[in-house]
Amino acid sequence: AANVEEAFINTAREIYTKIQEGVFDPTNEVNGIKIGPQNINSAPGTNRPNVNSNERGGCC
């Protein structure tokens, strides 16, 4: 299980680079790439500021 996160991040980075270069077209399902939910208000892995546990539903 060591380095699993690093392997995932490196692979995702390579795929993202190829999308930017036009090698992969994320709108074409043949490539096996799907665009996930987008959150333009914050970076991945960050929490929303100024939201208390009651507003989040009290969980997690």
Protein backbone atom coordinates (compact mmCIF):
# COMPACT_ATOMS: atom_id res chain seq x y z
CA ALA A 1 0.00 0.00 0.00
CA ALA A 2 3.04 2.25 0.16
CA ASN A 3 3.20 4.97 -2.47
CA VAL A 4 -0.35 4.25 -3.69
CA GLU A 5 -1.32 7.92 -3.44
CA GLU A 6 1.82 8.99 -5.30
CA ALA A 7 1.15 6.48 -8.08
CA PHE A 8 -2.44 7.71 -8.42
CA ILE A 9 -1.40 11.37 -8.49
CA ASN A 10 1.35 10.75 -11.06
CA THR A 11 -1.04 8.84 -13.32
CA ALA A 12 -3.72 11.52 -12.99
CA ARG A 13 -1.13 14.19 -13.77
CA GLU A 14 -0.06 12.36 -16.95
CA ILE A 15 -3.67 11.98 -18.09
CA TYR A 16 -4.39 15.65 -17.36
CA THR A 17 -1.30 16.71 -19.35
CA LYS A 18 -2.40 14.60 -22.31
CA ILE A 19 -5.87 16.15 -22.15
CA GLN A 20 -4.30 19.63 -22.22
CA GLU A 21 -2.08 18.62 -25.17
CA GLY A 22 -5.11 17.31 -27.08
CA VAL A 23 -3.95 13.69 -27.04
CA PHE A 24 -7.06 12.62 -25.12
CA ASP A 25 -10.54 14.05 -25.68
CA PRO A 26 -12.49 13.82 -22.40
CA THR A 27 -15.78 14.37 -24.25
CA ASN A 28 -15.26 11.16 -26.25
CA GLU A 29 -16.25 8.14 -24.16
CA VAL A 30 -14.05 5.87 -26.30
CA ASN A 31 -11.02 7.17 -24.37
CA GLY A 32 -12.44 5.84 -21.10
CA ILE A 33 -12.16 9.24 -19.43
CA LYS A 34 -15.07 10.85 -17.61
CA ILE A 35 -15.11 14.37 -16.26
CA GLY A 36 -16.08 14.27 -12.61
CA PRO A 37 -17.91 16.86 -10.53
CA GLN A 38 -16.34 20.28 -10.69
CA ASN A 39 -15.95 22.62 -7.73
CA ILE A 40 -14.65 25.97 -8.88
CA ASN A 41 -14.84 27.51 -5.41
CA SER A 42 -12.04 25.48 -3.82
CA ALA A 43 -9.10 23.29 -4.66
CA PRO A 44 -9.42 19.50 -4.37
CA GLY A 45 -8.93 18.22 -0.86
CA THR A 46 -9.77 21.50 0.83
CA ASN A 47 -12.74 22.21 3.04
CA ARG A 48 -15.14 25.07 2.62
CA PRO A 49 -14.23 27.87 5.01
CA ASN A 50 -16.67 29.19 7.61
CA VAL A 51 -18.97 26.18 7.47
CA ASN A 52 -19.82 24.69 10.84
CA SER A 53 -20.80 21.08 11.42
CA ASN A 54 -24.51 21.95 11.57
CA GLU A 55 -24.43 23.31 8.03
CA ARG A 56 -22.62 20.18 6.80
CA GLY A 57 -25.22 17.96 8.39
CA GLY A 58 -23.18 17.24 11.53
CA CYS A 59 -21.23 14.42 9.99
CA CYS A 60 -17.54 14.09 9.23
